[in-house]
Amino acid sequence: MSASAPLVVVGDALLDHDLCGRAQRLAPDAPVPVVSEARRSSRPGGAALAAVLAAADGRPVTLVTALGEDEASETLVRLLADRVRVVRLPLTGTLSSKTRVLAEGTPLLRLDDGEGRAAEATEEARTALTEAGAVLVADYGRGAAGVLREALRAAAARVPVVWDPHPRGEQPVPCVRLVTPSASEARVFAGGDPPADTSPLQTAARDADTLVRAWRAASVAVTLGGRGALLSHGDTPLLVPSPVTAEGDACGAGDRFAATAAGLLADGELTETAVRGAVHAATRYVAEGGVRSLATDPAALPAAPPPADGDPTVDALRTAARVRAAGGTVVAAGGCFDLLHAGHVALLQAARRTGDCLVVCVNSDGSVRRRKGVGRPLVPVADRIRVLRALECVDAVAVFDEDTPERLLAELRPHIWAKGGDYALERLPEAPLVESWGGQVVLFPYLDGRSTTGIAEKAALAPRPAGVAHGRERG
């Protein structure tokens, strides 16, 4: 998506607050917990959160939402400053705000204030939609999608539109590329009672099929929380599982899912690829602490990354920094990963289960050649990166050009450095470095009989079918 064609987020912005403290006793006058040492933080909510998350992916974002002259609206505008372009719709009433009271991260109570609604469309908002490279409708039932319905209908005929619906909001306009209800929302929208013996997955599949037809949408992805998402085009559904089970505050995970899917569709990806990326992103979002990373200070909002010039290491360093800042565990694993095989996959899956993100440190082509000799790598580094990134257990890939990854590890500073059990600790020159910042080297069982060299030698000795020479058919 070019800089001249932003992702336009249309929807209802909210202002969210968290009061986080400790609860160690009950009140003497009622059986309710007493929250002490409470700290207050504020952040964008609703469509504003979706816009901020989309901007953090490094793309230009325009937020079209209703704002007034009240204190909550002005606070939200300050929080969004320099993050996204804001196109204001008139607001009747005051901006809705939500306050959560949490004890050591567990929500106890939510207070809602303000019931403002979008009053009407504006020419500036309609123009923003005509300039969009893709559109995300983050409907929170407060009118923004309704007043711009005709403009959204026209956009759906021209660019990818992702619609995140709300039970009190608008039905998606026809021809949207993807609708993203949760399982409970899909059940409300689809109506009727499923058969008594229907499993939750069967119910989600039935509901998705019903909604594709009712909404005349290209596809519906029913989000299933920690289980992933079920994608339907109105036929046999595709289940996209979460790469790992992420424990944490899931507030905003639906916005993370929808924002990622919209961005990937804007980049020209297939719907299946966009949903897979959205599941991965939502899982990572929860594992990294969710909305805890969004604070009152605008400078503390996730920074839109500068252009990476194709360097995956930049993303890997940011991923590690975000997880560490949220109190999570950073795991790293390294190797050539030339001809990815079952032994590699088993190691990476086991490593990912020990922490909250997995960064794979892969040798550059020059590094592999020095270590393995002439003729290696068999697969160039760009292709090795692409294959590794396709694994659900891998969160990011970083490349190092040296013979060993100490320099890269010093930048990543992982909590765990994972290696296959065919290594001994005394053979790992990077072990003292990892331990110098309190990290730990962990060995994992290695699958016997799996190696790139062995696979390559076996392939070289295999007889070629008649009529085939050097990988090309004669004739």
Protein backbone atom coordinates (compact mmCIF):
# COMPACT_ATOMS: atom_id res chain seq x y z
CA MET A 1 0.00 0.00 0.00
CA SER A 2 1.55 3.31 -1.01
CA ALA A 3 1.92 6.27 1.31
CA SER A 4 -0.70 8.09 -0.75
CA ALA A 5 -3.31 5.42 -0.02
CA PRO A 6 -3.74 5.14 3.75
CA LEU A 7 -5.67 2.54 5.68
CA VAL A 8 -8.84 4.37 6.74
CA VAL A 9 -10.41 3.29 10.03
CA VAL A 10 -14.08 4.27 10.33
CA GLY A 11 -15.80 3.74 13.63
CA ASP A 12 -16.60 4.83 17.15
CA ALA A 13 -13.66 6.01 19.23
CA LEU A 14 -13.69 5.59 22.99
CA LEU A 15 -11.46 6.81 25.80
CA ASP A 16 -10.41 3.98 28.09
CA HIS A 17 -9.02 4.21 31.61
CA ASP A 18 -7.52 1.56 33.88
CA LEU A 19 -7.29 1.76 37.66
CA CYS A 20 -4.75 -0.93 38.60
CA GLY A 21 -3.95 -1.79 42.19
CA ARG A 22 -3.78 -4.56 44.79
CA ALA A 23 -6.68 -6.32 46.52
CA GLN A 24 -5.71 -8.12 49.72
CA ARG A 25 -8.81 -7.74 51.85
CA LEU A 26 -12.59 -7.28 51.76
CA ALA A 27 -14.36 -4.09 52.78
CA PRO A 28 -15.77 -4.18 56.33
CA ASP A 29 -19.18 -2.89 55.22
CA ALA A 30 -19.73 -5.14 52.17
CA PRO A 31 -18.31 -8.38 50.72
CA VAL A 32 -16.32 -6.55 48.04
CA PRO A 33 -12.55 -6.32 47.52
CA VAL A 34 -10.69 -3.18 48.57
CA VAL A 35 -8.32 -2.01 45.80
CA SER A 36 -5.37 -0.07 47.17
CA GLU A 37 -2.32 1.65 45.68
CA ALA A 38 -4.30 2.19 42.47
CA ARG A 39 -2.51 3.68 39.47
CA ARG A 40 -4.54 5.38 36.73
CA SER A 41 -3.70 5.18 33.03
CA SER A 42 -5.58 6.28 29.93
CA ARG A 43 -5.43 5.07 26.35
CA PRO A 44 -7.33 5.17 23.05
CA GLY A 45 -10.24 2.73 22.89
CA GLY A 46 -12.66 1.36 20.33
CA ALA A 47 -11.91 2.47 16.78
CA ALA A 48 -9.12 4.71 18.10
CA LEU A 49 -7.32 1.66 19.52
CA ALA A 50 -7.67 -0.15 16.18
CA ALA A 51 -6.19 2.88 14.41
CA VAL A 52 -3.22 3.11 16.79
CA LEU A 53 -2.49 -0.60 16.42
CA ALA A 54 -2.64 -0.31 12.62
CA ALA A 55 -0.28 2.68 12.72
CA ALA A 56 2.14 0.70 14.90
CA ASP A 57 2.48 -1.73 11.99
CA GLY A 58 4.20 1.04 10.06
CA ARG A 59 1.44 2.17 7.71
CA PRO A 60 -0.27 5.58 7.26
CA VAL A 61 -3.66 5.56 9.00
CA THR A 62 -6.61 7.95 8.87
CA LEU A 63 -9.21 7.66 11.66
CA VAL A 64 -12.72 8.87 10.83
CA THR A 65 -14.68 9.13 14.06
CA ALA A 66 -17.10 11.34 16.00
CA LEU A 67 -15.54 13.73 18.52
CA GLY A 68 -16.96 16.64 20.49
CA GLU A 69 -15.70 19.55 22.55
CA ASP A 70 -15.89 17.64 25.87
CA GLU A 71 -12.90 16.79 28.04
CA ALA A 72 -12.82 13.11 27.04
CA SER A 73 -12.72 14.01 23.33
CA GLU A 74 -9.88 16.46 23.81
CA THR A 75 -7.91 13.94 25.92
CA LEU A 76 -8.27 11.36 23.18
CA VAL A 77 -7.13 13.83 20.51
CA ARG A 78 -3.98 14.47 22.54
CA LEU A 79 -3.33 10.74 22.87
CA LEU A 80 -3.64 10.33 19.11
CA ALA A 81 -1.38 13.26 18.25
CA ASP A 82 1.34 12.34 15.74
CA ARG A 83 0.03 8.77 15.58
CA VAL A 84 -2.82 8.93 13.07
CA ARG A 85 -4.58 11.54 10.99
CA VAL A 86 -7.97 12.28 12.60
CA VAL A 87 -11.03 13.28 10.55
CA ARG A 88 -13.75 14.43 12.94
CA LEU A 89 -17.45 13.76 12.58
CA PRO A 90 -19.91 15.84 14.66
CA LEU A 91 -20.76 14.20 18.01
CA THR A 92 -24.03 14.57 19.90
CA GLY A 93 -23.46 14.24 23.64
CA THR A 94 -20.10 13.41 25.17
CA LEU A 95 -17.53 10.88 24.08
CA SER A 96 -18.01 7.46 25.66
CA SER A 97 -15.34 6.45 28.15
CA LYS A 98 -14.82 3.20 30.02
CA THR A 99 -12.97 2.72 33.30
CA ARG A 100 -11.77 -0.72 34.39
CA VAL A 101 -10.83 -1.44 38.00
CA LEU A 102 -8.21 -4.20 38.15
CA ALA A 103 -6.50 -6.01 40.99
CA GLU A 104 -3.07 -7.31 39.98
CA GLY A 105 -4.19 -7.48 36.36
CA THR A 106 -7.59 -9.12 36.97
CA PRO A 107 -10.62 -6.95 36.08
CA LEU A 108 -13.07 -6.51 38.95
CA LEU A 109 -15.44 -3.82 37.68
CA ARG A 110 -16.11 -1.55 34.69
CA LEU A 111 -17.68 1.92 34.78
CA ASP A 112 -19.12 3.44 31.58
CA ASP A 113 -19.67 7.18 31.02
CA GLY A 114 -21.01 9.13 28.05
CA GLU A 115 -23.36 7.95 25.32
CA GLY A 116 -22.39 10.28 22.49
CA ARG A 117 -23.26 9.31 18.92
CA ALA A 118 -22.11 10.35 15.47
CA ALA A 119 -24.52 13.02 14.21
CA GLU A 120 -23.84 13.16 10.46
CA ALA A 121 -21.33 12.56 7.70
CA THR A 122 -19.04 15.29 6.42
CA GLU A 123 -17.51 15.91 3.03
CA GLU A 124 -14.03 15.52 4.51
CA ALA A 125 -14.95 12.05 5.78
CA ARG A 126 -16.38 11.00 2.42
CA THR A 127 -13.24 12.27 0.69
CA ALA A 128 -11.04 10.29 3.09
CA LEU A 129 -12.85 7.12 2.07
CA THR A 130 -12.36 7.81 -1.63
CA GLU A 131 -8.61 8.11 -0.97
CA ALA A 132 -8.34 4.87 1.05
CA GLY A 133 -6.17 1.96 0.01
CA ALA A 134 -8.23 -0.21 2.36
CA VAL A 135 -10.89 0.37 5.01
CA LEU A 136 -11.43 -1.04 8.48
CA VAL A 137 -14.85 -0.45 10.02
CA ALA A 138 -14.50 -0.69 13.81
CA ASP A 139 -18.18 -0.49 14.73
CA TYR A 140 -18.91 0.03 18.41
CA GLY A 141 -22.59 0.78 17.95
CA ARG A 142 -22.43 4.56 18.21
CA GLY A 143 -23.36 5.61 14.70
CA ALA A 144 -20.19 6.35 12.73
CA ALA A 145 -20.68 3.41 10.35
CA GLY A 146 -24.33 4.35 9.88
CA VAL A 147 -23.83 7.96 8.83
CA LEU A 148 -21.17 6.91 6.31
CA ARG A 149 -22.97 3.82 5.03
CA GLU A 150 -23.28 4.92 1.40
CA ALA A 151 -19.64 5.96 1.25
CA LEU A 152 -18.66 2.62 2.75
CA ARG A 153 -20.77 0.80 0.19
CA ALA A 154 -18.88 2.59 -2.59
CA ALA A 155 -15.53 1.82 -0.93
CA ALA A 156 -16.36 -1.91 -0.71
CA ALA A 157 -16.73 -2.00 -4.49
CA ARG A 158 -13.26 -0.51 -4.94
CA VAL A 159 -10.86 -1.58 -2.15
CA PRO A 160 -10.65 -4.27 0.56
CA VAL A 161 -13.01 -3.52 3.45
CA VAL A 162 -12.80 -5.34 6.79
CA TRP A 163 -15.84 -4.93 9.05
CA ASP A 164 -15.58 -5.58 12.79
CA PRO A 165 -19.28 -5.64 13.77
CA HIS A 166 -21.14 -4.83 16.98
CA PRO A 167 -24.51 -6.31 18.07
CA ARG A 168 -25.90 -2.77 18.47
CA GLY A 169 -24.29 -1.46 15.30
CA GLU A 170 -24.80 -1.60 11.56
CA GLN A 171 -24.89 -4.67 9.37
CA PRO A 172 -21.90 -4.79 7.02
CA VAL A 173 -22.49 -3.30 3.59
CA PRO A 174 -22.54 -5.83 0.73
CA CYS A 175 -19.29 -7.05 -0.84
CA VAL A 176 -16.97 -6.44 2.11
CA ARG A 177 -13.86 -8.61 1.88
CA LEU A 178 -13.93 -9.86 5.49
CA VAL A 179 -16.21 -9.59 8.54
CA THR A 180 -14.69 -10.43 11.95
CA PRO A 181 -17.30 -11.17 14.65
CA SER A 182 -16.42 -13.02 17.83
CA ALA A 183 -18.11 -16.37 18.40
CA SER A 184 -20.67 -14.84 20.78
CA GLU A 185 -21.39 -11.97 18.35
CA ALA A 186 -21.77 -14.39 15.43
CA ARG A 187 -24.28 -16.38 17.47
CA VAL A 188 -26.36 -13.22 18.08
CA PHE A 189 -26.18 -12.15 14.43
CA ALA A 190 -27.04 -15.58 13.03
CA GLY A 191 -29.97 -16.12 15.40
CA GLY A 192 -31.84 -19.35 15.99
CA ASP A 193 -30.79 -22.19 18.22
CA PRO A 194 -28.18 -24.70 17.04
CA PRO A 195 -28.87 -28.42 17.59
CA ALA A 196 -28.32 -29.50 21.19
CA ASP A 197 -25.43 -31.81 20.30
CA THR A 198 -23.55 -29.20 18.24
CA SER A 199 -19.99 -28.43 19.36
CA PRO A 200 -18.78 -24.81 19.66
CA LEU A 201 -16.71 -25.28 16.50
CA GLN A 202 -19.69 -26.63 14.57
CA THR A 203 -21.80 -23.74 15.82
CA ALA A 204 -19.19 -21.23 14.68
CA ALA A 205 -19.04 -22.88 11.25
CA ARG A 206 -22.84 -22.81 10.88
CA ASP A 207 -23.00 -19.19 11.99
CA ALA A 208 -20.21 -18.11 9.65
CA ASP A 209 -21.89 -19.82 6.69
CA THR A 210 -25.20 -18.14 7.56
CA LEU A 211 -23.61 -14.71 7.87
CA VAL A 212 -21.64 -14.91 4.60
CA ARG A 213 -24.95 -15.35 2.81
CA ALA A 214 -27.01 -12.94 4.90
CA TRP A 215 -24.46 -10.13 4.65
CA ARG A 216 -23.38 -10.93 1.06
CA ALA A 217 -19.80 -10.82 2.31
CA ALA A 218 -16.84 -12.43 0.58
CA SER A 219 -15.84 -14.09 3.86
CA VAL A 220 -16.48 -14.19 7.60
CA ALA A 221 -13.80 -15.00 10.20
CA VAL A 222 -15.31 -15.95 13.56
CA THR A 223 -12.71 -15.29 16.25
CA LEU A 224 -12.46 -18.02 18.88
CA GLY A 225 -10.30 -16.39 21.54
CA GLY A 226 -7.28 -18.53 22.39
CA ARG A 227 -8.31 -21.18 19.86
CA GLY A 228 -7.73 -18.92 16.84
CA ALA A 229 -10.31 -18.14 14.15
CA LEU A 230 -12.61 -19.99 11.77
CA LEU A 231 -12.72 -18.57 8.24
CA SER A 232 -15.66 -19.25 5.93
CA HIS A 233 -16.38 -18.24 2.37
CA GLY A 234 -19.78 -19.93 2.58
CA ASP A 235 -18.40 -23.42 2.03
CA THR A 236 -16.08 -25.74 3.95
CA PRO A 237 -14.53 -23.56 6.68
CA LEU A 238 -10.82 -23.16 7.41
CA LEU A 239 -9.71 -23.32 11.05
CA VAL A 240 -6.68 -21.13 11.75
CA PRO A 241 -5.38 -22.15 15.20
CA SER A 242 -3.42 -19.91 17.56
CA PRO A 243 0.31 -20.71 17.41
CA VAL A 244 0.46 -20.98 21.21
CA THR A 245 -1.83 -20.53 24.19
CA ALA A 246 -1.35 -16.94 25.33
CA GLU A 247 -2.33 -16.05 28.87
CA GLY A 248 -3.07 -12.42 29.65
CA ASP A 249 -5.41 -9.48 29.26
CA ALA A 250 -7.37 -10.02 26.03
CA CYS A 251 -8.87 -6.50 26.01
CA GLY A 252 -8.34 -5.12 22.50
CA ALA A 253 -7.36 -8.46 20.94
CA GLY A 254 -10.28 -8.19 18.51
CA ASP A 255 -9.05 -4.77 17.39
CA ARG A 256 -5.55 -6.19 16.94
CA PHE A 257 -6.99 -9.03 14.83
CA ALA A 258 -9.07 -6.74 12.61
CA ALA A 259 -6.32 -4.12 12.18
CA THR A 260 -3.78 -6.74 11.14
CA ALA A 261 -6.17 -8.41 8.70
CA ALA A 262 -7.05 -5.06 7.10
CA GLY A 263 -3.41 -4.11 6.74
CA LEU A 264 -2.46 -7.41 5.12
CA LEU A 265 -5.38 -7.22 2.70
CA ALA A 266 -4.28 -3.68 1.84
CA ASP A 267 -0.85 -5.12 1.04
CA GLY A 268 -2.43 -7.48 -1.47
CA GLU A 269 -2.40 -10.68 0.59
CA LEU A 270 -5.02 -13.39 0.19
CA THR A 271 -7.79 -13.53 2.78
CA GLU A 272 -6.48 -16.81 4.19
CA THR A 273 -3.02 -15.30 4.62
CA ALA A 274 -4.49 -12.16 6.24
CA VAL A 275 -6.49 -14.22 8.76
CA ARG A 276 -3.46 -16.36 9.59
CA GLY A 277 -1.40 -13.22 10.19
CA ALA A 278 -4.21 -11.71 12.26
CA VAL A 279 -4.42 -14.78 14.52
CA HIS A 280 -0.68 -14.67 15.02
CA ALA A 281 -0.73 -10.93 15.77
CA ALA A 282 -3.62 -11.18 18.23
CA THR A 283 -1.89 -14.04 20.05
CA ARG A 284 1.32 -12.04 20.28
CA TYR A 285 -0.62 -8.96 21.43
CA VAL A 286 -2.09 -10.87 24.40
CA ALA A 287 1.23 -12.53 25.23
CA GLU A 288 3.02 -9.16 25.22
CA GLY A 289 0.63 -7.65 27.74
CA GLY A 290 -2.18 -6.32 25.54
CA VAL A 291 -3.34 -2.83 26.41
CA ARG A 292 -0.76 -2.51 29.18
CA SER A 293 1.54 -1.11 26.50
CA LEU A 294 -0.81 1.84 25.89
CA ALA A 295 -0.32 4.53 28.51
CA THR A 296 -1.41 8.09 29.26
CA ASP A 297 1.77 9.58 27.82
CA PRO A 298 1.52 9.75 23.99
CA ALA A 299 5.26 9.02 23.86
CA ALA A 300 4.53 5.63 25.45
CA LEU A 301 2.24 4.53 22.64
CA PRO A 302 3.75 1.95 20.30
CA ALA A 303 5.95 3.88 17.92
CA ALA A 304 5.30 3.58 14.22
CA PRO A 305 8.52 1.91 13.03
CA PRO A 306 10.69 3.62 10.46
CA PRO A 307 11.16 1.86 7.12
CA ALA A 308 13.09 -1.35 7.67
CA ASP A 309 14.53 -1.47 4.12
CA GLY A 310 13.74 -5.17 3.94
CA ASP A 311 15.80 -6.03 7.05
CA PRO A 312 13.87 -8.56 9.18
CA THR A 313 16.27 -7.99 12.09
CA VAL A 314 14.64 -4.61 12.76
CA ASP A 315 11.28 -6.28 13.42
CA ALA A 316 12.95 -8.95 15.56
CA LEU A 317 14.58 -6.35 17.81
CA ARG A 318 11.28 -4.47 18.20
CA THR A 319 9.43 -7.69 19.00
CA ALA A 320 11.93 -8.59 21.71
CA ALA A 321 11.79 -5.08 23.17
CA ARG A 322 7.98 -5.08 23.32
CA VAL A 323 7.81 -8.46 25.03
CA ARG A 324 10.50 -7.51 27.53
CA ALA A 325 8.80 -4.18 28.32
CA ALA A 326 5.53 -6.01 29.01
CA GLY A 327 7.23 -8.38 31.44
CA GLY A 328 7.25 -11.36 29.06
CA THR A 329 9.93 -13.94 28.34
CA VAL A 330 11.99 -13.59 25.16
CA VAL A 331 13.22 -16.87 23.67
CA ALA A 332 15.81 -17.06 20.89
CA ALA A 333 17.07 -19.98 18.85
CA GLY A 334 19.75 -20.03 16.19
CA GLY A 335 21.10 -22.00 13.29
CA CYS A 336 21.50 -22.20 9.52
CA PHE A 337 18.05 -23.78 8.96
CA ASP A 338 19.11 -24.86 5.49
CA LEU A 339 16.46 -27.35 4.23
CA LEU A 340 14.10 -26.97 7.19
CA HIS A 341 13.28 -30.45 8.53
CA ALA A 342 11.36 -32.16 11.34
CA GLY A 343 14.24 -31.77 13.79
CA HIS A 344 14.25 -28.01 13.29
CA VAL A 345 10.49 -27.77 13.69
CA ALA A 346 10.46 -29.85 16.89
CA LEU A 347 13.15 -27.61 18.42
CA LEU A 348 11.37 -24.37 17.47
CA GLN A 349 7.99 -25.57 18.72
CA ALA A 350 9.49 -26.64 22.05
CA ALA A 351 11.40 -23.37 22.38
CA ARG A 352 8.30 -21.25 21.74
CA ARG A 353 6.39 -23.03 24.50
CA THR A 354 8.94 -21.85 27.07
CA GLY A 355 8.26 -18.13 26.62
CA ASP A 356 6.13 -15.37 25.14
CA CYS A 357 7.89 -14.89 21.80
CA LEU A 358 10.45 -16.77 19.72
CA VAL A 359 13.10 -14.97 17.66
CA VAL A 360 15.05 -17.19 15.27
CA CYS A 361 18.64 -16.07 14.61
CA VAL A 362 19.64 -17.40 11.20
CA ASN A 363 23.10 -17.44 9.58
CA SER A 364 23.54 -15.30 6.48
CA ASP A 365 24.58 -16.99 3.24
CA GLY A 366 28.20 -15.97 3.80
CA SER A 367 28.16 -17.30 7.34
CA VAL A 368 26.73 -20.64 6.19
CA ARG A 369 29.33 -20.90 3.42
CA ARG A 370 32.19 -20.37 5.87
CA ARG A 371 30.77 -22.94 8.29
CA LYS A 372 29.52 -25.61 5.87
CA GLY A 373 31.75 -25.22 2.83
CA VAL A 374 31.31 -24.67 -0.89
CA GLY A 375 27.85 -25.55 -2.17
CA ARG A 376 26.07 -24.37 0.96
CA PRO A 377 23.62 -22.97 1.68
CA LEU A 378 21.32 -24.98 -0.51
CA VAL A 379 18.59 -22.41 0.12
CA PRO A 380 19.37 -18.64 0.06
CA VAL A 381 18.74 -16.61 3.16
CA ALA A 382 15.68 -14.77 1.78
CA ASP A 383 13.92 -18.09 1.20
CA ARG A 384 15.02 -19.47 4.58
CA ILE A 385 13.57 -16.38 6.27
CA ARG A 386 10.29 -16.78 4.42
CA VAL A 387 9.94 -20.44 5.41
CA LEU A 388 10.78 -19.74 9.06
CA ARG A 389 8.33 -16.84 9.23
CA ALA A 390 5.60 -19.14 7.91
CA LEU A 391 5.89 -21.33 11.02
CA GLU A 392 3.20 -20.44 13.56
CA CYS A 393 5.68 -20.87 16.44
CA VAL A 394 8.07 -18.22 15.07
CA ASP A 395 7.41 -14.58 15.95
CA ALA A 396 10.38 -12.96 14.19
CA VAL A 397 13.59 -13.79 12.32
CA ALA A 398 16.94 -12.00 12.63
CA VAL A 399 20.02 -12.51 10.44
CA PHE A 400 23.67 -12.47 11.53
CA ASP A 401 26.70 -12.50 9.24
CA GLU A 402 29.34 -13.61 11.76
CA ASP A 403 30.25 -17.24 12.41
CA THR A 404 28.49 -17.14 15.78
CA PRO A 405 25.55 -14.96 16.90
CA GLU A 406 27.07 -13.17 19.93
CA ARG A 407 26.72 -9.66 18.48
CA LEU A 408 23.06 -10.22 17.60
CA LEU A 409 22.36 -11.85 20.96
CA ALA A 410 23.83 -8.82 22.73
CA GLU A 411 21.20 -6.70 21.00
CA LEU A 412 18.29 -9.11 21.52
CA ARG A 413 19.22 -10.02 25.14
CA PRO A 414 16.90 -13.04 25.27
CA HIS A 415 15.89 -14.59 28.56
CA ILE A 416 16.32 -18.07 27.04
CA TRP A 417 18.75 -19.22 24.35
CA ALA A 418 17.44 -22.51 22.96
CA LYS A 419 19.68 -25.12 21.35
CA GLY A 420 19.25 -28.72 20.23
CA GLY A 421 20.40 -31.45 22.59
CA ASP A 422 23.24 -32.46 20.25
CA TYR A 423 25.19 -29.49 21.63
CA ALA A 424 27.10 -29.57 24.89
CA LEU A 425 27.27 -26.43 27.01
CA GLU A 426 31.05 -26.25 26.78
CA ARG A 427 30.72 -26.12 22.98
CA LEU A 428 28.52 -23.02 23.05
CA PRO A 429 30.74 -19.91 23.01
CA GLU A 430 27.65 -17.73 23.43
CA ALA A 431 26.66 -19.32 26.79
CA PRO A 432 28.73 -16.93 29.00
CA LEU A 433 27.32 -13.95 27.12
CA VAL A 434 23.70 -15.03 27.64
CA GLU A 435 24.35 -15.68 31.32
CA SER A 436 25.97 -12.24 31.71
CA TRP A 437 22.55 -10.51 31.68
CA GLY A 438 20.79 -13.21 33.66
CA GLY A 439 19.74 -15.26 30.64
CA GLN A 440 19.71 -19.04 30.49
CA VAL A 441 20.87 -21.56 27.91
CA VAL A 442 18.34 -24.38 27.55
CA LEU A 443 18.94 -27.59 25.61
CA PHE A 444 16.04 -29.43 24.01
CA PRO A 445 15.91 -33.08 22.89
CA TYR A 446 17.00 -33.48 19.29
CA LEU A 447 15.25 -35.84 16.87
CA ASP A 448 17.78 -38.49 15.85
CA GLY A 449 18.55 -39.00 12.20
CA ARG A 450 17.44 -35.57 11.01
CA SER A 451 20.05 -33.30 9.47
CA THR A 452 20.31 -31.09 6.42
CA THR A 453 23.57 -32.76 5.38
CA GLY A 454 22.01 -36.21 5.58
CA ILE A 455 18.97 -35.15 3.59
CA ALA A 456 21.14 -33.51 0.91
CA GLU A 457 23.39 -36.56 0.61
CA LYS A 458 20.40 -38.90 0.33
CA ALA A 459 18.84 -36.68 -2.35
CA ALA A 460 22.12 -36.60 -4.31
CA LEU A 461 22.33 -40.41 -4.30
CA ALA A 462 18.70 -40.98 -5.25
CA PRO A 463 18.23 -42.29 -8.82
CA ARG A 464 16.67 -39.79 -11.19
CA PRO A 465 13.53 -40.79 -13.11
CA ALA A 466 14.05 -41.49 -16.78
CA GLY A 467 13.90 -38.36 -18.91
CA VAL A 468 14.94 -36.01 -16.11
CA ALA A 469 18.36 -34.37 -15.93
CA HIS A 470 19.53 -31.63 -13.61
CA GLY A 471 15.97 -31.06 -12.40
CA ARG A 472 14.62 -30.29 -15.90
CA GLU A 473 12.54 -32.51 -18.16
CA ARG A 474 14.11 -33.37 -21.47
CA GLY A 475 12.24 -32.55 -24.61
